[in-house]
Full PDB file with SEQRES, HELIX, SHEET, SSBOND, CRYST1, ORIGX, SCALE, CONECT and MASTER records, all heavy atoms in Angstrom:
SEQRES   1 A   39  LEU LEU GLU ALA ALA MET LEU LEU LEU VAL LEU TYR GLY          
SEQRES   2 A   39  PRO PHE SER GLY PHE LEU PRO GLU PRO ARG HIS GLU LEU          
SEQRES   3 A   39  PHE ALA GLN ALA LEU ALA ILE SER TYR VAL PHE VAL ALA          
HELIX    1 AA1 LEU A    2  TYR A   12  1                                  11    
HELIX    2 AA2 SER A   16  PHE A   18  5                                   3    
HELIX    3 AA3 GLU A   25  VAL A   38  1                                  14    
CRYST1    1.000    1.000    1.000  90.00  90.00  90.00 P 1           1          
ORIGX1      1.000000  0.000000  0.000000        0.00000                         
ORIGX2      0.000000  1.000000  0.000000        0.00000                         
ORIGX3      0.000000  0.000000  1.000000        0.00000                         
SCALE1      1.000000  0.000000  0.000000        0.00000                         
SCALE2      0.000000  1.000000  0.000000        0.00000                         
SCALE3      0.000000  0.000000  1.000000        0.00000                         
ATOM      1  N   LEU A   1     136.527-103.335 315.427  1.00  0.00           N  
ATOM      2  CA  LEU A   1     135.896-102.371 314.523  1.00  0.00           C  
ATOM      3  C   LEU A   1     136.891-101.303 314.089  1.00  0.00           C  
ATOM      4  O   LEU A   1     136.904-100.867 312.916  1.00  0.00           O  
ATOM      5  CB  LEU A   1     134.695-101.715 315.224  1.00  0.00           C  
ATOM      6  CG  LEU A   1     133.398-102.532 315.317  1.00  0.00           C  
ATOM      7  CD1 LEU A   1     132.355-101.775 316.128  1.00  0.00           C  
ATOM      8  CD2 LEU A   1     132.859-102.828 313.918  1.00  0.00           C  
ATOM      9  N   LEU A   2     137.733-100.875 315.047  1.00  0.00           N  
ATOM     10  CA  LEU A   2     138.757 -99.879 314.701  1.00  0.00           C  
ATOM     11  C   LEU A   2     139.740-100.437 313.685  1.00  0.00           C  
ATOM     12  O   LEU A   2     140.118 -99.751 312.706  1.00  0.00           O  
ATOM     13  CB  LEU A   2     139.491 -99.445 315.974  1.00  0.00           C  
ATOM     14  CG  LEU A   2     140.668 -98.479 315.782  1.00  0.00           C  
ATOM     15  CD1 LEU A   2     140.182 -97.143 315.199  1.00  0.00           C  
ATOM     16  CD2 LEU A   2     141.392 -98.224 317.104  1.00  0.00           C  
ATOM     17  N   GLU A   3     140.147-101.692 313.857  1.00  0.00           N  
ATOM     18  CA  GLU A   3     141.078-102.312 312.903  1.00  0.00           C  
ATOM     19  C   GLU A   3     140.446-102.408 311.511  1.00  0.00           C  
ATOM     20  O   GLU A   3     141.090-102.098 310.487  1.00  0.00           O  
ATOM     21  CB  GLU A   3     141.448-103.712 313.394  1.00  0.00           C  
ATOM     22  CG  GLU A   3     142.393-103.721 314.574  1.00  0.00           C  
ATOM     23  CD  GLU A   3     142.719-105.133 315.022  1.00  0.00           C  
ATOM     24  OE1 GLU A   3     141.778-105.960 315.100  1.00  0.00           O  
ATOM     25  OE2 GLU A   3     143.894-105.414 315.300  1.00  0.00           O  
ATOM     26  N   ALA A   4     139.190-102.849 311.460  1.00  0.00           N  
ATOM     27  CA  ALA A   4     138.514-102.979 310.162  1.00  0.00           C  
ATOM     28  C   ALA A   4     138.357-101.610 309.499  1.00  0.00           C  
ATOM     29  O   ALA A   4     138.524-101.468 308.262  1.00  0.00           O  
ATOM     30  CB  ALA A   4     137.151-103.640 310.359  1.00  0.00           C  
ATOM     31  N   ALA A   5     138.048-100.581 310.311  1.00  0.00           N  
ATOM     32  CA  ALA A   5     137.890 -99.235 309.744  1.00  0.00           C  
ATOM     33  C   ALA A   5     139.216 -98.709 309.205  1.00  0.00           C  
ATOM     34  O   ALA A   5     139.256 -98.059 308.135  1.00  0.00           O  
ATOM     35  CB  ALA A   5     137.328 -98.302 310.821  1.00  0.00           C  
ATOM     36  N   MET A   6     140.314 -98.970 309.917  1.00  0.00           N  
ATOM     37  CA  MET A   6     141.621 -98.494 309.443  1.00  0.00           C  
ATOM     38  C   MET A   6     142.039 -99.227 308.176  1.00  0.00           C  
ATOM     39  O   MET A   6     142.634 -98.619 307.254  1.00  0.00           O  
ATOM     40  CB  MET A   6     142.664 -98.691 310.547  1.00  0.00           C  
ATOM     41  CG  MET A   6     142.457 -97.787 311.755  1.00  0.00           C  
ATOM     42  SD  MET A   6     143.776 -97.934 312.971  1.00  0.00           S  
ATOM     43  CE  MET A   6     145.150 -97.276 312.041  1.00  0.00           C  
ATOM     44  N   LEU A   7     141.717-100.535 308.100  1.00  0.00           N  
ATOM     45  CA  LEU A   7     142.046-101.280 306.888  1.00  0.00           C  
ATOM     46  C   LEU A   7     141.246-100.734 305.713  1.00  0.00           C  
ATOM     47  O   LEU A   7     141.777-100.584 304.581  1.00  0.00           O  
ATOM     48  CB  LEU A   7     141.741-102.763 307.103  1.00  0.00           C  
ATOM     49  CG  LEU A   7     142.114-103.700 305.944  1.00  0.00           C  
ATOM     50  CD1 LEU A   7     143.618-103.637 305.671  1.00  0.00           C  
ATOM     51  CD2 LEU A   7     141.687-105.133 306.260  1.00  0.00           C  
ATOM     52  N   LEU A   8     139.979-100.403 305.952  1.00  0.00           N  
ATOM     53  CA  LEU A   8     139.154 -99.820 304.897  1.00  0.00           C  
ATOM     54  C   LEU A   8     139.666 -98.430 304.516  1.00  0.00           C  
ATOM     55  O   LEU A   8     139.613 -98.026 303.338  1.00  0.00           O  
ATOM     56  CB  LEU A   8     137.700 -99.738 305.385  1.00  0.00           C  
ATOM     57  CG  LEU A   8     136.613 -99.628 304.307  1.00  0.00           C  
ATOM     58  CD1 LEU A   8     136.623-100.875 303.426  1.00  0.00           C  
ATOM     59  CD2 LEU A   8     135.249 -99.461 304.961  1.00  0.00           C  
ATOM     60  N   LEU A   9     140.183 -97.678 305.505  1.00  0.00           N  
ATOM     61  CA  LEU A   9     140.706 -96.338 305.237  1.00  0.00           C  
ATOM     62  C   LEU A   9     141.962 -96.390 304.375  1.00  0.00           C  
ATOM     63  O   LEU A   9     142.205 -95.500 303.534  1.00  0.00           O  
ATOM     64  CB  LEU A   9     141.008 -95.633 306.566  1.00  0.00           C  
ATOM     65  CG  LEU A   9     141.424 -94.161 306.481  1.00  0.00           C  
ATOM     66  CD1 LEU A   9     140.274 -93.321 305.914  1.00  0.00           C  
ATOM     67  CD2 LEU A   9     141.816 -93.638 307.865  1.00  0.00           C  
ATOM     68  N   VAL A  10     142.782 -97.441 304.587  1.00  0.00           N  
ATOM     69  CA  VAL A  10     143.996 -97.582 303.786  1.00  0.00           C  
ATOM     70  C   VAL A  10     143.644 -97.755 302.311  1.00  0.00           C  
ATOM     71  O   VAL A  10     144.318 -97.220 301.412  1.00  0.00           O  
ATOM     72  CB  VAL A  10     144.837 -98.764 304.302  1.00  0.00           C  
ATOM     73  CG1 VAL A  10     145.961 -99.097 303.314  1.00  0.00           C  
ATOM     74  CG2 VAL A  10     145.409 -98.443 305.658  1.00  0.00           C  
ATOM     75  N   LEU A  11     142.569 -98.460 302.013  1.00  0.00           N  
ATOM     76  CA  LEU A  11     142.208 -98.750 300.633  1.00  0.00           C  
ATOM     77  C   LEU A  11     141.336 -97.662 300.009  1.00  0.00           C  
ATOM     78  O   LEU A  11     141.433 -97.404 298.795  1.00  0.00           O  
ATOM     79  CB  LEU A  11     141.475-100.094 300.557  1.00  0.00           C  
ATOM     80  CG  LEU A  11     142.290-101.333 300.963  1.00  0.00           C  
ATOM     81  CD1 LEU A  11     141.429-102.579 300.924  1.00  0.00           C  
ATOM     82  CD2 LEU A  11     143.513-101.486 300.046  1.00  0.00           C  
ATOM     83  N   TYR A  12     140.474 -97.033 300.808  1.00  0.00           N  
ATOM     84  CA  TYR A  12     139.514 -96.088 300.258  1.00  0.00           C  
ATOM     85  C   TYR A  12     139.639 -94.688 300.857  1.00  0.00           C  
ATOM     86  O   TYR A  12     138.815 -93.832 300.562  1.00  0.00           O  
ATOM     87  CB  TYR A  12     138.084 -96.602 300.498  1.00  0.00           C  
ATOM     88  CG  TYR A  12     137.784 -97.888 299.785  1.00  0.00           C  
ATOM     89  CD1 TYR A  12     137.808 -99.082 300.475  1.00  0.00           C  
ATOM     90  CD2 TYR A  12     137.470 -97.890 298.425  1.00  0.00           C  
ATOM     91  CE1 TYR A  12     137.529-100.277 299.833  1.00  0.00           C  
ATOM     92  CE2 TYR A  12     137.175 -99.081 297.777  1.00  0.00           C  
ATOM     93  CZ  TYR A  12     137.215-100.276 298.476  1.00  0.00           C  
ATOM     94  OH  TYR A  12     136.927-101.444 297.843  1.00  0.00           O  
ATOM     95  N   GLY A  13     140.636 -94.423 301.645  1.00  0.00           N  
ATOM     96  CA  GLY A  13     140.775 -93.132 302.280  1.00  0.00           C  
ATOM     97  C   GLY A  13     141.320 -92.074 301.326  1.00  0.00           C  
ATOM     98  O   GLY A  13     141.702 -92.365 300.173  1.00  0.00           O  
ATOM     99  N   PRO A  14     141.389 -90.831 301.785  1.00  0.00           N  
ATOM    100  CA  PRO A  14     141.872 -89.736 300.922  1.00  0.00           C  
ATOM    101  C   PRO A  14     143.337 -89.872 300.533  1.00  0.00           C  
ATOM    102  O   PRO A  14     143.769 -89.281 299.539  1.00  0.00           O  
ATOM    103  CB  PRO A  14     141.626 -88.486 301.780  1.00  0.00           C  
ATOM    104  CG  PRO A  14     141.548 -88.992 303.190  1.00  0.00           C  
ATOM    105  CD  PRO A  14     140.994 -90.360 303.111  1.00  0.00           C  
ATOM    106  N   PHE A  15     144.121 -90.658 301.306  1.00  0.00           N  
ATOM    107  CA  PHE A  15     145.550 -90.802 300.994  1.00  0.00           C  
ATOM    108  C   PHE A  15     145.849 -92.115 300.292  1.00  0.00           C  
ATOM    109  O   PHE A  15     147.019 -92.492 300.148  1.00  0.00           O  
ATOM    110  CB  PHE A  15     146.385 -90.718 302.277  1.00  0.00           C  
ATOM    111  CG  PHE A  15     146.198 -89.419 303.020  1.00  0.00           C  
ATOM    112  CD1 PHE A  15     145.372 -89.347 304.137  1.00  0.00           C  
ATOM    113  CD2 PHE A  15     146.826 -88.255 302.575  1.00  0.00           C  
ATOM    114  CE1 PHE A  15     145.202 -88.157 304.808  1.00  0.00           C  
ATOM    115  CE2 PHE A  15     146.644 -87.060 303.252  1.00  0.00           C  
ATOM    116  CZ  PHE A  15     145.824 -87.006 304.370  1.00  0.00           C  
ATOM    117  N   SER A  16     144.792 -92.837 299.885  1.00  0.00           N  
ATOM    118  CA  SER A  16     145.030 -94.130 299.233  1.00  0.00           C  
ATOM    119  C   SER A  16     145.740 -93.981 297.898  1.00  0.00           C  
ATOM    120  O   SER A  16     146.471 -94.878 297.458  1.00  0.00           O  
ATOM    121  CB  SER A  16     143.690 -94.860 299.025  1.00  0.00           C  
ATOM    122  OG  SER A  16     142.811 -94.064 298.216  1.00  0.00           O  
ATOM    123  N   GLY A  17     145.570 -92.823 297.223  1.00  0.00           N  
ATOM    124  CA  GLY A  17     146.225 -92.621 295.925  1.00  0.00           C  
ATOM    125  C   GLY A  17     147.724 -92.428 296.043  1.00  0.00           C  
ATOM    126  O   GLY A  17     148.451 -92.592 295.054  1.00  0.00           O  
ATOM    127  N   PHE A  18     148.218 -92.032 297.214  1.00  0.00           N  
ATOM    128  CA  PHE A  18     149.652 -91.813 297.403  1.00  0.00           C  
ATOM    129  C   PHE A  18     150.380 -93.073 297.862  1.00  0.00           C  
ATOM    130  O   PHE A  18     151.608 -93.047 298.004  1.00  0.00           O  
ATOM    131  CB  PHE A  18     149.885 -90.709 298.441  1.00  0.00           C  
ATOM    132  CG  PHE A  18     149.268 -89.390 298.046  1.00  0.00           C  
ATOM    133  CD1 PHE A  18     148.021 -89.012 298.515  1.00  0.00           C  
ATOM    134  CD2 PHE A  18     149.937 -88.537 297.156  1.00  0.00           C  
ATOM    135  CE1 PHE A  18     147.451 -87.815 298.159  1.00  0.00           C  
ATOM    136  CE2 PHE A  18     149.368 -87.330 296.791  1.00  0.00           C  
ATOM    137  CZ  PHE A  18     148.118 -86.960 297.284  1.00  0.00           C  
ATOM    138  N   LEU A  19     149.624 -94.145 298.136  1.00  0.00           N  
ATOM    139  CA  LEU A  19     150.232 -95.386 298.619  1.00  0.00           C  
ATOM    140  C   LEU A  19     150.429 -96.341 297.457  1.00  0.00           C  
ATOM    141  O   LEU A  19     149.717 -96.278 296.453  1.00  0.00           O  
ATOM    142  CB  LEU A  19     149.332 -96.038 299.678  1.00  0.00           C  
ATOM    143  CG  LEU A  19     149.087 -95.208 300.956  1.00  0.00           C  
ATOM    144  CD1 LEU A  19     148.117 -95.937 301.875  1.00  0.00           C  
ATOM    145  CD2 LEU A  19     150.411 -94.933 301.675  1.00  0.00           C  
ATOM    146  N   PRO A  20     151.400 -97.258 297.565  1.00  0.00           N  
ATOM    147  CA  PRO A  20     151.607 -98.258 296.508  1.00  0.00           C  
ATOM    148  C   PRO A  20     150.367 -99.116 296.316  1.00  0.00           C  
ATOM    149  O   PRO A  20     149.564 -99.304 297.227  1.00  0.00           O  
ATOM    150  CB  PRO A  20     152.795 -99.082 297.020  1.00  0.00           C  
ATOM    151  CG  PRO A  20     153.479 -98.187 298.011  1.00  0.00           C  
ATOM    152  CD  PRO A  20     152.415 -97.347 298.634  1.00  0.00           C  
ATOM    153  N   GLU A  21     150.202 -99.632 295.130  1.00  0.00           N  
ATOM    154  CA  GLU A  21     149.067-100.473 294.824  1.00  0.00           C  
ATOM    155  C   GLU A  21     149.162-101.790 295.609  1.00  0.00           C  
ATOM    156  O   GLU A  21     150.247-102.335 295.786  1.00  0.00           O  
ATOM    157  CB  GLU A  21     149.026-100.785 293.321  1.00  0.00           C  
ATOM    158  CG  GLU A  21     148.693 -99.570 292.464  1.00  0.00           C  
ATOM    159  CD  GLU A  21     147.255 -99.129 292.659  1.00  0.00           C  
ATOM    160  OE1 GLU A  21     146.397 -99.980 292.988  1.00  0.00           O  
ATOM    161  OE2 GLU A  21     146.985 -97.916 292.501  1.00  0.00           O  
ATOM    162  N   PRO A  22     148.032-102.313 296.060  1.00  0.00           N  
ATOM    163  CA  PRO A  22     148.041-103.628 296.740  1.00  0.00           C  
ATOM    164  C   PRO A  22     148.495-104.712 295.786  1.00  0.00           C  
ATOM    165  O   PRO A  22     148.417-104.574 294.563  1.00  0.00           O  
ATOM    166  CB  PRO A  22     146.583-103.825 297.166  1.00  0.00           C  
ATOM    167  CG  PRO A  22     145.979-102.447 297.166  1.00  0.00           C  
ATOM    168  CD  PRO A  22     146.693-101.685 296.082  1.00  0.00           C  
ATOM    169  N   ARG A  23     148.954-105.820 296.370  1.00  0.00           N  
ATOM    170  CA  ARG A  23     149.446-106.918 295.557  1.00  0.00           C  
ATOM    171  C   ARG A  23     148.288-107.523 294.748  1.00  0.00           C  
ATOM    172  O   ARG A  23     148.458-107.858 293.580  1.00  0.00           O  
ATOM    173  CB  ARG A  23     150.103-107.967 296.452  1.00  0.00           C  
ATOM    174  CG  ARG A  23     150.669-109.133 295.656  1.00  0.00           C  
ATOM    175  CD  ARG A  23     151.469-110.092 296.547  1.00  0.00           C  
ATOM    176  NE  ARG A  23     152.753-109.501 296.901  1.00  0.00           N  
ATOM    177  CZ  ARG A  23     153.210-109.320 298.132  1.00  0.00           C  
ATOM    178  NH1 ARG A  23     152.431-109.647 299.172  1.00  0.00           N  
ATOM    179  NH2 ARG A  23     154.404-108.804 298.358  1.00  0.00           N  
ATOM    180  N   HIS A  24     147.143-107.670 295.359  1.00  0.00           N  
ATOM    181  CA  HIS A  24     145.948-108.150 294.690  1.00  0.00           C  
ATOM    182  C   HIS A  24     144.842-107.169 295.038  1.00  0.00           C  
ATOM    183  O   HIS A  24     144.172-107.313 296.063  1.00  0.00           O  
ATOM    184  CB  HIS A  24     145.575-109.569 295.145  1.00  0.00           C  
ATOM    185  CG  HIS A  24     146.700-110.559 294.997  1.00  0.00           C  
ATOM    186  ND1 HIS A  24     147.078-111.068 293.748  1.00  0.00           N  
ATOM    187  CD2 HIS A  24     147.544-111.117 295.910  1.00  0.00           C  
ATOM    188  CE1 HIS A  24     148.087-111.910 293.920  1.00  0.00           C  
ATOM    189  NE2 HIS A  24     148.396-111.954 295.224  1.00  0.00           N  
ATOM    190  N   GLU A  25     144.649-106.167 294.220  1.00  0.00           N  
ATOM    191  CA  GLU A  25     143.782-105.053 294.579  1.00  0.00           C  
ATOM    192  C   GLU A  25     142.331-105.480 294.799  1.00  0.00           C  
ATOM    193  O   GLU A  25     141.706-105.117 295.803  1.00  0.00           O  
ATOM    194  CB  GLU A  25     143.844-103.983 293.475  1.00  0.00           C  
ATOM    195  CG  GLU A  25     143.029-102.738 293.826  1.00  0.00           C  
ATOM    196  CD  GLU A  25     143.213-101.635 292.778  1.00  0.00           C  
ATOM    197  OE1 GLU A  25     143.950-101.868 291.803  1.00  0.00           O  
ATOM    198  OE2 GLU A  25     142.589-100.560 292.945  1.00  0.00           O  
ATOM    199  N   LEU A  26     141.757-106.230 293.883  1.00  0.00           N  
ATOM    200  CA  LEU A  26     140.368-106.632 294.004  1.00  0.00           C  
ATOM    201  C   LEU A  26     140.137-107.507 295.246  1.00  0.00           C  
ATOM    202  O   LEU A  26     139.174-107.335 295.990  1.00  0.00           O  
ATOM    203  CB  LEU A  26     139.925-107.371 292.732  1.00  0.00           C  
ATOM    204  CG  LEU A  26     138.441-107.764 292.670  1.00  0.00           C  
ATOM    205  CD1 LEU A  26     137.549-106.516 292.758  1.00  0.00           C  
ATOM    206  CD2 LEU A  26     138.150-108.554 291.389  1.00  0.00           C  
ATOM    207  N   PHE A  27     141.084-108.404 295.461  1.00  0.00           N  
ATOM    208  CA  PHE A  27     140.971-109.280 296.641  1.00  0.00           C  
ATOM    209  C   PHE A  27     141.111-108.484 297.938  1.00  0.00           C  
ATOM    210  O   PHE A  27     140.419-108.741 298.920  1.00  0.00           O  
ATOM    211  CB  PHE A  27     142.041-110.373 296.566  1.00  0.00           C  
ATOM    212  CG  PHE A  27     142.001-111.330 297.720  1.00  0.00           C  
ATOM    213  CD1 PHE A  27     140.996-112.280 297.837  1.00  0.00           C  
ATOM    214  CD2 PHE A  27     142.974-111.267 298.724  1.00  0.00           C  
ATOM    215  CE1 PHE A  27     140.963-113.161 298.909  1.00  0.00           C  
ATOM    216  CE2 PHE A  27     142.937-112.128 299.791  1.00  0.00           C  
ATOM    217  CZ  PHE A  27     141.937-113.096 299.893  1.00  0.00           C  
ATOM    218  N   ALA A  28     142.014-107.473 297.897  1.00  0.00           N  
ATOM    219  CA  ALA A  28     142.218-106.643 299.095  1.00  0.00           C  
ATOM    220  C   ALA A  28     140.956-105.845 299.412  1.00  0.00           C  
ATOM    221  O   ALA A  28     140.576-105.700 300.594  1.00  0.00           O  
ATOM    222  CB  ALA A  28     143.399-105.706 298.883  1.00  0.00           C  
ATOM    223  N   GLN A  29     140.294-105.326 298.396  1.00  0.00           N  
ATOM    224  CA  GLN A  29     139.064-104.565 298.640  1.00  0.00           C  
ATOM    225  C   GLN A  29     137.965-105.463 299.207  1.00  0.00           C  
ATOM    226  O   GLN A  29     137.249-105.104 300.158  1.00  0.00           O  
ATOM    227  CB  GLN A  29     138.599-103.920 297.338  1.00  0.00           C  
ATOM    228  CG  GLN A  29     139.536-102.840 296.828  1.00  0.00           C  
ATOM    229  CD  GLN A  29     139.130-102.313 295.478  1.00  0.00           C  
ATOM    230  OE1 GLN A  29     138.203-102.838 294.836  1.00  0.00           O  
ATOM    231  NE2 GLN A  29     139.813-101.259 294.997  1.00  0.00           N  
ATOM    232  N   ALA A  30     137.793-106.658 298.611  1.00  0.00           N  
ATOM    233  CA  ALA A  30     136.796-107.601 299.121  1.00  0.00           C  
ATOM    234  C   ALA A  30     137.128-108.026 300.556  1.00  0.00           C  
ATOM    235  O   ALA A  30     136.238-108.194 301.410  1.00  0.00           O  
ATOM    236  CB  ALA A  30     136.721-108.822 298.204  1.00  0.00           C  
ATOM    237  N   LEU A  31     138.432-108.174 300.826  1.00  0.00           N  
ATOM    238  CA  LEU A  31     138.869-108.576 302.172  1.00  0.00           C  
ATOM    239  C   LEU A  31     138.528-107.500 303.195  1.00  0.00           C  
ATOM    240  O   LEU A  31     138.024-107.794 304.284  1.00  0.00           O  
ATOM    241  CB  LEU A  31     140.381-108.829 302.142  1.00  0.00           C  
ATOM    242  CG  LEU A  31     140.992-109.366 303.436  1.00  0.00           C  
ATOM    243  CD1 LEU A  31     140.539-110.795 303.687  1.00  0.00           C  
ATOM    244  CD2 LEU A  31     142.521-109.308 303.345  1.00  0.00           C  
ATOM    245  N   ALA A  32     138.774-106.237 302.872  1.00  0.00           N  
ATOM    246  CA  ALA A  32     138.493-105.141 303.817  1.00  0.00           C  
ATOM    247  C   ALA A  32     136.999-105.013 304.086  1.00  0.00           C  
ATOM    248  O   ALA A  32     136.568-104.835 305.241  1.00  0.00           O  
ATOM    249  CB  ALA A  32     139.051-103.831 303.249  1.00  0.00           C  
ATOM    250  N   ILE A  33     136.195-105.111 303.014  1.00  0.00           N  
ATOM    251  CA  ILE A  33     134.734-104.997 303.208  1.00  0.00           C  
ATOM    252  C   ILE A  33     134.210-106.171 304.030  1.00  0.00           C  
ATOM    253  O   ILE A  33     133.366-106.007 304.924  1.00  0.00           O  
ATOM    254  CB  ILE A  33     134.043-104.915 301.839  1.00  0.00           C  
ATOM    255  CG1 ILE A  33     134.459-103.617 301.109  1.00  0.00           C  
ATOM    256  CG2 ILE A  33     132.525-104.968 302.005  1.00  0.00           C  
ATOM    257  CD1 ILE A  33     133.932-103.526 299.686  1.00  0.00           C  
ATOM    258  N   SER A  34     134.706-107.365 303.738  1.00  0.00           N  
ATOM    259  CA  SER A  34     134.260-108.541 304.493  1.00  0.00           C  
ATOM    260  C   SER A  34     134.657-108.429 305.965  1.00  0.00           C  
ATOM    261  O   SER A  34     133.879-108.806 306.866  1.00  0.00           O  
ATOM    262  CB  SER A  34     134.876-109.809 303.885  1.00  0.00           C  
ATOM    263  OG  SER A  34     134.479-109.958 302.544  1.00  0.00           O  
ATOM    264  N   TYR A  35     135.864-107.917 306.230  1.00  0.00           N  
ATOM    265  CA  TYR A  35     136.316-107.794 307.627  1.00  0.00           C  
ATOM    266  C   TYR A  35     135.437-106.799 308.393  1.00  0.00           C  
ATOM    267  O   TYR A  35     135.099-107.009 309.558  1.00  0.00           O  
ATOM    268  CB  TYR A  35     137.778-107.361 307.646  1.00  0.00           C  
ATOM    269  CG  TYR A  35     138.393-107.428 309.028  1.00  0.00           C  
ATOM    270  CD1 TYR A  35     138.045-108.425 309.932  1.00  0.00           C  
ATOM    271  CD2 TYR A  35     139.337-106.479 309.430  1.00  0.00           C  
ATOM    272  CE1 TYR A  35     138.628-108.493 311.182  1.00  0.00           C  
ATOM    273  CE2 TYR A  35     139.915-106.532 310.686  1.00  0.00           C  
ATOM    274  CZ  TYR A  35     139.559-107.550 311.566  1.00  0.00           C  
ATOM    275  OH  TYR A  35     140.114-107.601 312.811  1.00  0.00           O  
ATOM    276  N   VAL A  36     135.030-105.709 307.721  1.00  0.00           N  
ATOM    277  CA  VAL A  36     134.140-104.741 308.370  1.00  0.00           C  
ATOM    278  C   VAL A  36     132.801-105.401 308.708  1.00  0.00           C  
ATOM    279  O   VAL A  36     132.251-105.227 309.813  1.00  0.00           O  
ATOM    280  CB  VAL A  36     133.926-103.508 307.470  1.00  0.00           C  
ATOM    281  CG1 VAL A  36     132.815-102.619 308.030  1.00  0.00           C  
ATOM    282  CG2 VAL A  36     135.216-102.720 307.340  1.00  0.00           C  
ATOM    283  N   PHE A  37     132.289-106.179 307.743  1.00  0.00           N  
ATOM    284  CA  PHE A  37     130.994-106.841 307.972  1.00  0.00           C  
ATOM    285  C   PHE A  37     131.090-107.830 309.151  1.00  0.00           C  
ATOM    286  O   PHE A  37     130.214-107.863 310.030  1.00  0.00           O  
ATOM    287  CB  PHE A  37     130.579-107.566 306.683  1.00  0.00           C  
ATOM    288  CG  PHE A  37     129.285-108.323 306.815  1.00  0.00           C  
ATOM    289  CD1 PHE A  37     128.065-107.661 306.856  1.00  0.00           C  
ATOM    290  CD2 PHE A  37     129.299-109.715 306.911  1.00  0.00           C  
ATOM    291  CE1 PHE A  37     126.883-108.369 306.975  1.00  0.00           C  
ATOM    292  CE2 PHE A  37     128.120-110.419 307.027  1.00  0.00           C  
ATOM    293  CZ  PHE A  37     126.905-109.744 307.065  1.00  0.00           C  
ATOM    294  N   VAL A  38     132.170-108.621 309.181  1.00  0.00           N  
ATOM    295  CA  VAL A  38     132.346-109.591 310.276  1.00  0.00           C  
ATOM    296  C   VAL A  38     132.537-108.869 311.607  1.00  0.00           C  
ATOM    297  O   VAL A  38     131.997-109.282 312.644  1.00  0.00           O  
ATOM    298  CB  VAL A  38     133.534-110.514 309.971  1.00  0.00           C  
ATOM    299  CG1 VAL A  38     133.874-111.376 311.178  1.00  0.00           C  
ATOM    300  CG2 VAL A  38     133.222-111.399 308.763  1.00  0.00           C  
ATOM    301  N   ALA A  39     133.281-107.765 311.609  1.00  0.00           N  
ATOM    302  CA  ALA A  39     133.510-107.009 312.850  1.00  0.00           C  
ATOM    303  C   ALA A  39     132.206-106.435 313.395  1.00  0.00           C  
ATOM    304  O   ALA A  39     131.977-106.426 314.612  1.00  0.00           O  
ATOM    305  CB  ALA A  39     134.520-105.891 312.593  1.00  0.00           C  
TER     306      ALA A  39                                                      
MASTER        0    0    0    3    0    0    0    6  305    1    0    3          
END                                                                             
């Protein structure tokens, strides 16, 4: 759960705007949400 929350924080956290864009942004967002649900 901690890993899934940190992955979600990387994409949607307050510092996400200062980080480089993901290679596949839409897929990365779906991946983080799915991982949280599975966790």
